[in-house]
PDB file of all heavy atoms in Angstrom:
ATOM      1  N   SER A   1      -6.669 -15.127 -13.854  1.00  0.00           N
ATOM      2  CA  SER A   1      -5.855 -14.194 -12.977  1.00  0.00           C
ATOM      3  C   SER A   1      -6.736 -13.515 -11.978  1.00  0.00           C
ATOM      4  O   SER A   1      -6.196 -12.818 -11.020  1.00  0.00           O
ATOM      5  CB  SER A   1      -5.091 -13.252 -13.747  1.00  0.00           C
ATOM      6  OG  SER A   1      -5.962 -12.361 -14.546  1.00  0.00           O
ATOM      7  N   GLY A   2      -8.031 -13.475 -12.177  1.00  0.00           N
ATOM      8  CA  GLY A   2      -8.979 -12.787 -11.168  1.00  0.00           C
ATOM      9  C   GLY A   2      -9.210 -11.437 -11.632  1.00  0.00           C
ATOM     10  O   GLY A   2      -8.806 -10.953 -12.735  1.00  0.00           O
ATOM     11  N   PHE A   3     -10.029 -10.709 -10.766  1.00  0.00           N
ATOM     12  CA  PHE A   3     -10.429  -9.341 -11.132  1.00  0.00           C
ATOM     13  C   PHE A   3     -10.438  -8.531  -9.795  1.00  0.00           C
ATOM     14  O   PHE A   3     -11.268  -8.727  -8.936  1.00  0.00           O
ATOM     15  CB  PHE A   3     -11.864  -9.389 -11.729  1.00  0.00           C
ATOM     16  CG  PHE A   3     -12.351  -8.106 -12.189  1.00  0.00           C
ATOM     17  CD1 PHE A   3     -11.943  -7.522 -13.381  1.00  0.00           C
ATOM     18  CD2 PHE A   3     -13.261  -7.358 -11.401  1.00  0.00           C
ATOM     19  CE1 PHE A   3     -12.452  -6.317 -13.751  1.00  0.00           C
ATOM     20  CE2 PHE A   3     -13.800  -6.140 -11.792  1.00  0.00           C
ATOM     21  CZ  PHE A   3     -13.300  -5.659 -12.954  1.00  0.00           C
ATOM     22  N   PRO A   4      -9.402  -7.647  -9.688  1.00  0.00           N
ATOM     23  CA  PRO A   4      -9.367  -6.920  -8.419  1.00  0.00           C
ATOM     24  C   PRO A   4     -10.457  -5.908  -8.277  1.00  0.00           C
ATOM     25  O   PRO A   4     -10.862  -5.196  -9.228  1.00  0.00           O
ATOM     26  CB  PRO A   4      -7.969  -6.233  -8.459  1.00  0.00           C
ATOM     27  CG  PRO A   4      -7.747  -6.079  -9.970  1.00  0.00           C
ATOM     28  CD  PRO A   4      -8.377  -7.313 -10.663  1.00  0.00           C
ATOM     29  N   LEU A   5     -11.041  -5.845  -7.106  1.00  0.00           N
ATOM     30  CA  LEU A   5     -12.071  -4.864  -6.766  1.00  0.00           C
ATOM     31  C   LEU A   5     -11.631  -4.008  -5.532  1.00  0.00           C
ATOM     32  O   LEU A   5     -11.231  -4.561  -4.618  1.00  0.00           O
ATOM     33  CB  LEU A   5     -13.378  -5.579  -6.433  1.00  0.00           C
ATOM     34  CG  LEU A   5     -14.014  -6.372  -7.517  1.00  0.00           C
ATOM     35  CD1 LEU A   5     -15.256  -7.119  -7.008  1.00  0.00           C
ATOM     36  CD2 LEU A   5     -14.480  -5.514  -8.613  1.00  0.00           C
ATOM     37  N   GLU A   6     -11.749  -2.715  -5.718  1.00  0.00           N
ATOM     38  CA  GLU A   6     -11.401  -1.801  -4.609  1.00  0.00           C
ATOM     39  C   GLU A   6     -12.482  -0.790  -4.428  1.00  0.00           C
ATOM     40  O   GLU A   6     -13.235  -0.484  -5.394  1.00  0.00           O
ATOM     41  CB  GLU A   6     -10.044  -1.120  -4.940  1.00  0.00           C
ATOM     42  CG  GLU A   6      -8.916  -2.102  -5.049  1.00  0.00           C
ATOM     43  CD  GLU A   6      -7.582  -1.420  -5.439  1.00  0.00           C
ATOM     44  OE1 GLU A   6      -7.495  -0.157  -5.548  1.00  0.00           O
ATOM     45  OE2 GLU A   6      -6.576  -2.117  -5.549  1.00  0.00           O
ATOM     46  N   GLY A   7     -12.506  -0.125  -3.252  1.00  0.00           N
ATOM     47  CA  GLY A   7     -13.370   0.964  -2.999  1.00  0.00           C
ATOM     48  C   GLY A   7     -14.809   0.766  -3.214  1.00  0.00           C
ATOM     49  O   GLY A   7     -15.407  -0.279  -2.769  1.00  0.00           O
ATOM     50  N   GLU A   8     -15.442   1.544  -4.055  1.00  0.00           N
ATOM     51  CA  GLU A   8     -16.924   1.531  -4.319  1.00  0.00           C
ATOM     52  C   GLU A   8     -17.307   0.253  -5.045  1.00  0.00           C
ATOM     53  O   GLU A   8     -18.395  -0.342  -4.758  1.00  0.00           O
ATOM     54  CB  GLU A   8     -17.260   2.658  -5.185  1.00  0.00           C
ATOM     55  CG  GLU A   8     -17.286   3.995  -4.380  1.00  0.00           C
ATOM     56  CD  GLU A   8     -17.735   5.211  -5.187  1.00  0.00           C
ATOM     57  OE1 GLU A   8     -18.286   4.897  -6.406  1.00  0.00           O
ATOM     58  OE2 GLU A   8     -17.506   6.279  -4.829  1.00  0.00           O
ATOM     59  N   MET A   9     -16.355  -0.278  -5.931  1.00  0.00           N
ATOM     60  CA  MET A   9     -16.728  -1.558  -6.673  1.00  0.00           C
ATOM     61  C   MET A   9     -16.766  -2.656  -5.664  1.00  0.00           C
ATOM     62  O   MET A   9     -17.663  -3.539  -5.792  1.00  0.00           O
ATOM     63  CB  MET A   9     -15.706  -1.822  -7.775  1.00  0.00           C
ATOM     64  CG  MET A   9     -15.862  -0.874  -8.998  1.00  0.00           C
ATOM     65  SD  MET A   9     -17.478  -1.023  -9.753  1.00  0.00           S
ATOM     66  CE  MET A   9     -17.404  -2.645 -10.464  1.00  0.00           C
ATOM     67  N   TRP A  10     -15.821  -2.723  -4.733  1.00  0.00           N
ATOM     68  CA  TRP A  10     -15.861  -3.793  -3.667  1.00  0.00           C
ATOM     69  C   TRP A  10     -17.148  -3.690  -2.856  1.00  0.00           C
ATOM     70  O   TRP A  10     -17.797  -4.709  -2.693  1.00  0.00           O
ATOM     71  CB  TRP A  10     -14.659  -3.689  -2.806  1.00  0.00           C
ATOM     72  CG  TRP A  10     -14.718  -4.610  -1.564  1.00  0.00           C
ATOM     73  CD1 TRP A  10     -15.045  -4.362  -0.348  1.00  0.00           C
ATOM     74  CD2 TRP A  10     -14.463  -6.038  -1.655  1.00  0.00           C
ATOM     75  NE1 TRP A  10     -14.960  -5.519   0.409  1.00  0.00           N
ATOM     76  CE2 TRP A  10     -14.654  -6.548  -0.372  1.00  0.00           C
ATOM     77  CE3 TRP A  10     -14.128  -6.881  -2.667  1.00  0.00           C
ATOM     78  CZ2 TRP A  10     -14.522  -7.933  -0.063  1.00  0.00           C
ATOM     79  CZ3 TRP A  10     -14.000  -8.212  -2.369  1.00  0.00           C
ATOM     80  CH2 TRP A  10     -14.169  -8.761  -1.070  1.00  0.00           C
ATOM     81  N   GLU A  11     -17.578  -2.490  -2.500  1.00  0.00           N
ATOM     82  CA  GLU A  11     -18.757  -2.301  -1.742  1.00  0.00           C
ATOM     83  C   GLU A  11     -20.022  -2.765  -2.478  1.00  0.00           C
ATOM     84  O   GLU A  11     -20.941  -3.351  -2.006  1.00  0.00           O
ATOM     85  CB  GLU A  11     -18.926  -0.895  -1.242  1.00  0.00           C
ATOM     86  CG  GLU A  11     -17.881  -0.407  -0.281  1.00  0.00           C
ATOM     87  CD  GLU A  11     -17.851  -1.262   0.949  1.00  0.00           C
ATOM     88  OE1 GLU A  11     -18.902  -1.655   1.467  1.00  0.00           O
ATOM     89  OE2 GLU A  11     -16.775  -1.498   1.484  1.00  0.00           O
ATOM     90  N   LEU A  12     -19.977  -2.470  -3.854  1.00  0.00           N
ATOM     91  CA  LEU A  12     -21.123  -2.864  -4.654  1.00  0.00           C
ATOM     92  C   LEU A  12     -21.286  -4.378  -4.725  1.00  0.00           C
ATOM     93  O   LEU A  12     -22.364  -4.897  -4.516  1.00  0.00           O
ATOM     94  CB  LEU A  12     -20.914  -2.232  -6.090  1.00  0.00           C
ATOM     95  CG  LEU A  12     -22.057  -2.645  -7.116  1.00  0.00           C
ATOM     96  CD1 LEU A  12     -23.373  -2.084  -6.718  1.00  0.00           C
ATOM     97  CD2 LEU A  12     -21.563  -2.251  -8.532  1.00  0.00           C
ATOM     98  N   PHE A  13     -20.168  -5.095  -4.896  1.00  0.00           N
ATOM     99  CA  PHE A  13     -20.193  -6.546  -4.980  1.00  0.00           C
ATOM    100  C   PHE A  13     -20.545  -7.162  -3.630  1.00  0.00           C
ATOM    101  O   PHE A  13     -21.307  -8.132  -3.542  1.00  0.00           O
ATOM    102  CB  PHE A  13     -18.874  -7.071  -5.489  1.00  0.00           C
ATOM    103  CG  PHE A  13     -18.854  -7.150  -7.036  1.00  0.00           C
ATOM    104  CD1 PHE A  13     -18.659  -5.994  -7.718  1.00  0.00           C
ATOM    105  CD2 PHE A  13     -19.096  -8.257  -7.765  1.00  0.00           C
ATOM    106  CE1 PHE A  13     -18.648  -5.952  -9.043  1.00  0.00           C
ATOM    107  CE2 PHE A  13     -19.040  -8.342  -9.120  1.00  0.00           C
ATOM    108  CZ  PHE A  13     -18.819  -7.176  -9.765  1.00  0.00           C
ATOM    109  N   VAL A  14     -20.045  -6.586  -2.537  1.00  0.00           N
ATOM    110  CA  VAL A  14     -20.362  -7.149  -1.255  1.00  0.00           C
ATOM    111  C   VAL A  14     -21.798  -6.922  -0.924  1.00  0.00           C
ATOM    112  O   VAL A  14     -22.553  -7.721  -0.401  1.00  0.00           O
ATOM    113  CB  VAL A  14     -19.457  -6.501  -0.098  1.00  0.00           C
ATOM    114  CG1 VAL A  14     -19.975  -6.813   1.230  1.00  0.00           C
ATOM    115  CG2 VAL A  14     -18.009  -6.968  -0.341  1.00  0.00           C
ATOM    116  N   GLY A  15     -22.293  -5.716  -1.196  1.00  0.00           N
ATOM    117  CA  GLY A  15     -23.685  -5.360  -0.975  1.00  0.00           C
ATOM    118  C   GLY A  15     -24.623  -6.166  -1.778  1.00  0.00           C
ATOM    119  O   GLY A  15     -25.819  -6.384  -1.495  1.00  0.00           O
ATOM    120  N   ALA A  16     -24.159  -6.727  -2.995  1.00  0.00           N
ATOM    121  CA  ALA A  16     -25.078  -7.519  -3.824  1.00  0.00           C
ATOM    122  C   ALA A  16     -25.572  -8.833  -3.133  1.00  0.00           C
ATOM    123  O   ALA A  16     -26.579  -9.438  -3.659  1.00  0.00           O
ATOM    124  CB  ALA A  16     -24.329  -7.805  -5.104  1.00  0.00           C
ATOM    125  N   VAL A  17     -24.896  -9.267  -2.078  1.00  0.00           N
ATOM    126  CA  VAL A  17     -25.341 -10.445  -1.411  1.00  0.00           C
ATOM    127  C   VAL A  17     -26.777 -10.229  -0.906  1.00  0.00           C
ATOM    128  O   VAL A  17     -27.620 -11.198  -1.040  1.00  0.00           O
ATOM    129  CB  VAL A  17     -24.398 -10.741  -0.195  1.00  0.00           C
ATOM    130  CG1 VAL A  17     -24.961 -11.934   0.611  1.00  0.00           C
ATOM    131  CG2 VAL A  17     -23.050 -11.070  -0.687  1.00  0.00           C
ATOM    132  N   GLU A  18     -27.105  -9.025  -0.443  1.00  0.00           N
ATOM    133  CA  GLU A  18     -28.470  -8.869   0.127  1.00  0.00           C
ATOM    134  C   GLU A  18     -29.316  -7.833  -0.698  1.00  0.00           C
ATOM    135  O   GLU A  18     -30.498  -7.758  -0.414  1.00  0.00           O
ATOM    136  CB  GLU A  18     -28.284  -8.361   1.580  1.00  0.00           C
ATOM    137  CG  GLU A  18     -27.658  -9.446   2.443  1.00  0.00           C
ATOM    138  CD  GLU A  18     -27.646  -9.011   3.946  1.00  0.00           C
ATOM    139  OE1 GLU A  18     -28.143  -7.964   4.270  1.00  0.00           O
ATOM    140  OE2 GLU A  18     -27.013  -9.791   4.716  1.00  0.00           O
ATOM    141  N   ASP A  19     -28.696  -7.098  -1.578  1.00  0.00           N
ATOM    142  CA  ASP A  19     -29.420  -6.039  -2.276  1.00  0.00           C
ATOM    143  C   ASP A  19     -29.589  -6.366  -3.707  1.00  0.00           C
ATOM    144  O   ASP A  19     -28.700  -6.433  -4.517  1.00  0.00           O
ATOM    145  CB  ASP A  19     -28.659  -4.756  -2.128  1.00  0.00           C
ATOM    146  CG  ASP A  19     -29.254  -3.586  -2.798  1.00  0.00           C
ATOM    147  OD1 ASP A  19     -30.490  -3.636  -3.067  1.00  0.00           O
ATOM    148  OD2 ASP A  19     -28.537  -2.600  -3.099  1.00  0.00           O
ATOM    149  N   SER A  20     -30.842  -6.638  -4.142  1.00  0.00           N
ATOM    150  CA  SER A  20     -31.141  -7.000  -5.532  1.00  0.00           C
ATOM    151  C   SER A  20     -30.849  -5.898  -6.452  1.00  0.00           C
ATOM    152  O   SER A  20     -30.469  -6.104  -7.620  1.00  0.00           O
ATOM    153  CB  SER A  20     -32.582  -7.484  -5.662  1.00  0.00           C
ATOM    154  OG  SER A  20     -33.439  -6.432  -5.400  1.00  0.00           O
ATOM    155  N   GLY A  21     -30.888  -4.604  -6.002  1.00  0.00           N
ATOM    156  CA  GLY A  21     -30.536  -3.537  -6.868  1.00  0.00           C
ATOM    157  C   GLY A  21     -29.091  -3.525  -7.217  1.00  0.00           C
ATOM    158  O   GLY A  21     -28.707  -3.203  -8.347  1.00  0.00           O
ATOM    159  N   SER A  22     -28.236  -3.884  -6.233  1.00  0.00           N
ATOM    160  CA  SER A  22     -26.847  -3.944  -6.534  1.00  0.00           C
ATOM    161  C   SER A  22     -26.576  -5.101  -7.494  1.00  0.00           C
ATOM    162  O   SER A  22     -25.729  -4.964  -8.381  1.00  0.00           O
ATOM    163  CB  SER A  22     -26.069  -4.186  -5.234  1.00  0.00           C
ATOM    164  OG  SER A  22     -26.061  -3.052  -4.452  1.00  0.00           O
ATOM    165  N   ARG A  23     -27.239  -6.209  -7.361  1.00  0.00           N
ATOM    166  CA  ARG A  23     -27.067  -7.308  -8.322  1.00  0.00           C
ATOM    167  C   ARG A  23     -27.467  -6.924  -9.727  1.00  0.00           C
ATOM    168  O   ARG A  23     -26.743  -7.201 -10.658  1.00  0.00           O
ATOM    169  CB  ARG A  23     -27.910  -8.524  -7.833  1.00  0.00           C
ATOM    170  CG  ARG A  23     -27.340  -9.218  -6.567  1.00  0.00           C
ATOM    171  CD  ARG A  23     -28.001 -10.554  -6.357  1.00  0.00           C
ATOM    172  NE  ARG A  23     -29.393 -10.425  -6.042  1.00  0.00           N
ATOM    173  CZ  ARG A  23     -29.919 -10.295  -4.783  1.00  0.00           C
ATOM    174  NH1 ARG A  23     -29.094 -10.126  -3.786  1.00  0.00           N
ATOM    175  NH2 ARG A  23     -31.242 -10.237  -4.648  1.00  0.00           N
ATOM    176  N   ARG A  24     -28.554  -6.165  -9.806  1.00  0.00           N
ATOM    177  CA  ARG A  24     -28.983  -5.659 -11.129  1.00  0.00           C
ATOM    178  C   ARG A  24     -27.976  -4.706 -11.711  1.00  0.00           C
ATOM    179  O   ARG A  24     -27.745  -4.773 -12.932  1.00  0.00           O
ATOM    180  CB  ARG A  24     -30.343  -5.048 -11.045  1.00  0.00           C
ATOM    181  CG  ARG A  24     -30.948  -4.599 -12.307  1.00  0.00           C
ATOM    182  CD  ARG A  24     -31.154  -5.798 -13.226  1.00  0.00           C
ATOM    183  NE  ARG A  24     -31.414  -5.380 -14.595  1.00  0.00           N
ATOM    184  CZ  ARG A  24     -32.013  -6.096 -15.458  1.00  0.00           C
ATOM    185  NH1 ARG A  24     -32.435  -7.258 -15.139  1.00  0.00           N
ATOM    186  NH2 ARG A  24     -32.200  -5.651 -16.650  1.00  0.00           N
ATOM    187  N   THR A  25     -27.460  -3.865 -10.922  1.00  0.00           N
ATOM    188  CA  THR A  25     -26.452  -2.909 -11.391  1.00  0.00           C
ATOM    189  C   THR A  25     -25.221  -3.676 -11.980  1.00  0.00           C
ATOM    190  O   THR A  25     -24.725  -3.316 -12.978  1.00  0.00           O
ATOM    191  CB  THR A  25     -25.981  -1.978 -10.280  1.00  0.00           C
ATOM    192  OG1 THR A  25     -27.147  -1.196  -9.858  1.00  0.00           O
ATOM    193  CG2 THR A  25     -24.915  -1.022 -10.702  1.00  0.00           C
ATOM    194  N   ILE A  26     -24.700  -4.667 -11.154  1.00  0.00           N
ATOM    195  CA  ILE A  26     -23.537  -5.429 -11.645  1.00  0.00           C
ATOM    196  C   ILE A  26     -23.906  -6.088 -12.981  1.00  0.00           C
ATOM    197  O   ILE A  26     -23.091  -6.161 -13.893  1.00  0.00           O
ATOM    198  CB  ILE A  26     -23.244  -6.549 -10.544  1.00  0.00           C
ATOM    199  CG1 ILE A  26     -22.671  -5.799  -9.361  1.00  0.00           C
ATOM    200  CG2 ILE A  26     -22.175  -7.498 -11.127  1.00  0.00           C
ATOM    201  CD1 ILE A  26     -22.540  -6.702  -8.064  1.00  0.00           C
ATOM    202  N   PHE A  27     -25.119  -6.697 -13.076  1.00  0.00           N
ATOM    203  CA  PHE A  27     -25.499  -7.376 -14.277  1.00  0.00           C
ATOM    204  C   PHE A  27     -25.545  -6.415 -15.485  1.00  0.00           C
ATOM    205  O   PHE A  27     -25.044  -6.666 -16.545  1.00  0.00           O
ATOM    206  CB  PHE A  27     -26.820  -8.078 -14.123  1.00  0.00           C
ATOM    207  CG  PHE A  27     -27.349  -8.755 -15.322  1.00  0.00           C
ATOM    208  CD1 PHE A  27     -26.875  -9.996 -15.721  1.00  0.00           C
ATOM    209  CD2 PHE A  27     -28.313  -8.131 -16.121  1.00  0.00           C
ATOM    210  CE1 PHE A  27     -27.322 -10.567 -16.936  1.00  0.00           C
ATOM    211  CE2 PHE A  27     -28.769  -8.719 -17.299  1.00  0.00           C
ATOM    212  CZ  PHE A  27     -28.256  -9.940 -17.668  1.00  0.00           C
ATOM    213  N   ASP A  28     -26.209  -5.248 -15.215  1.00  0.00           N
ATOM    214  CA  ASP A  28     -26.323  -4.281 -16.298  1.00  0.00           C
ATOM    215  C   ASP A  28     -24.959  -3.736 -16.801  1.00  0.00           C
ATOM    216  O   ASP A  28     -24.749  -3.659 -18.020  1.00  0.00           O
ATOM    217  CB  ASP A  28     -27.195  -3.135 -15.898  1.00  0.00           C
ATOM    218  CG  ASP A  28     -28.612  -3.429 -15.733  1.00  0.00           C
ATOM    219  OD1 ASP A  28     -29.070  -4.509 -16.246  1.00  0.00           O
ATOM    220  OD2 ASP A  28     -29.416  -2.652 -15.159  1.00  0.00           O
ATOM    221  N   VAL A  29     -24.096  -3.508 -15.790  1.00  0.00           N
ATOM    222  CA  VAL A  29     -22.768  -2.924 -16.170  1.00  0.00           C
ATOM    223  C   VAL A  29     -21.895  -4.005 -16.921  1.00  0.00           C
ATOM    224  O   VAL A  29     -21.285  -3.641 -17.917  1.00  0.00           O
ATOM    225  CB  VAL A  29     -22.045  -2.321 -15.002  1.00  0.00           C
ATOM    226  CG1 VAL A  29     -20.577  -2.046 -15.295  1.00  0.00           C
ATOM    227  CG2 VAL A  29     -22.801  -1.158 -14.444  1.00  0.00           C
ATOM    228  N   THR A  30     -21.944  -5.208 -16.333  1.00  0.00           N
ATOM    229  CA  THR A  30     -20.950  -6.161 -16.951  1.00  0.00           C
ATOM    230  C   THR A  30     -21.460  -6.744 -18.236  1.00  0.00           C
ATOM    231  O   THR A  30     -20.682  -7.303 -19.029  1.00  0.00           O
ATOM    232  CB  THR A  30     -20.752  -7.355 -16.006  1.00  0.00           C
ATOM    233  OG1 THR A  30     -21.979  -7.928 -15.625  1.00  0.00           O
ATOM    234  CG2 THR A  30     -20.020  -6.826 -14.723  1.00  0.00           C
TER     235      THR A  30
END
């Protein structure tokens, strides 16, 4: 069904394309 992202979470995932720190945060949290 997917996973809706809004606000800060959306920005975190979009920023992860170029920011390794954001990618690490996503990995750590999930």
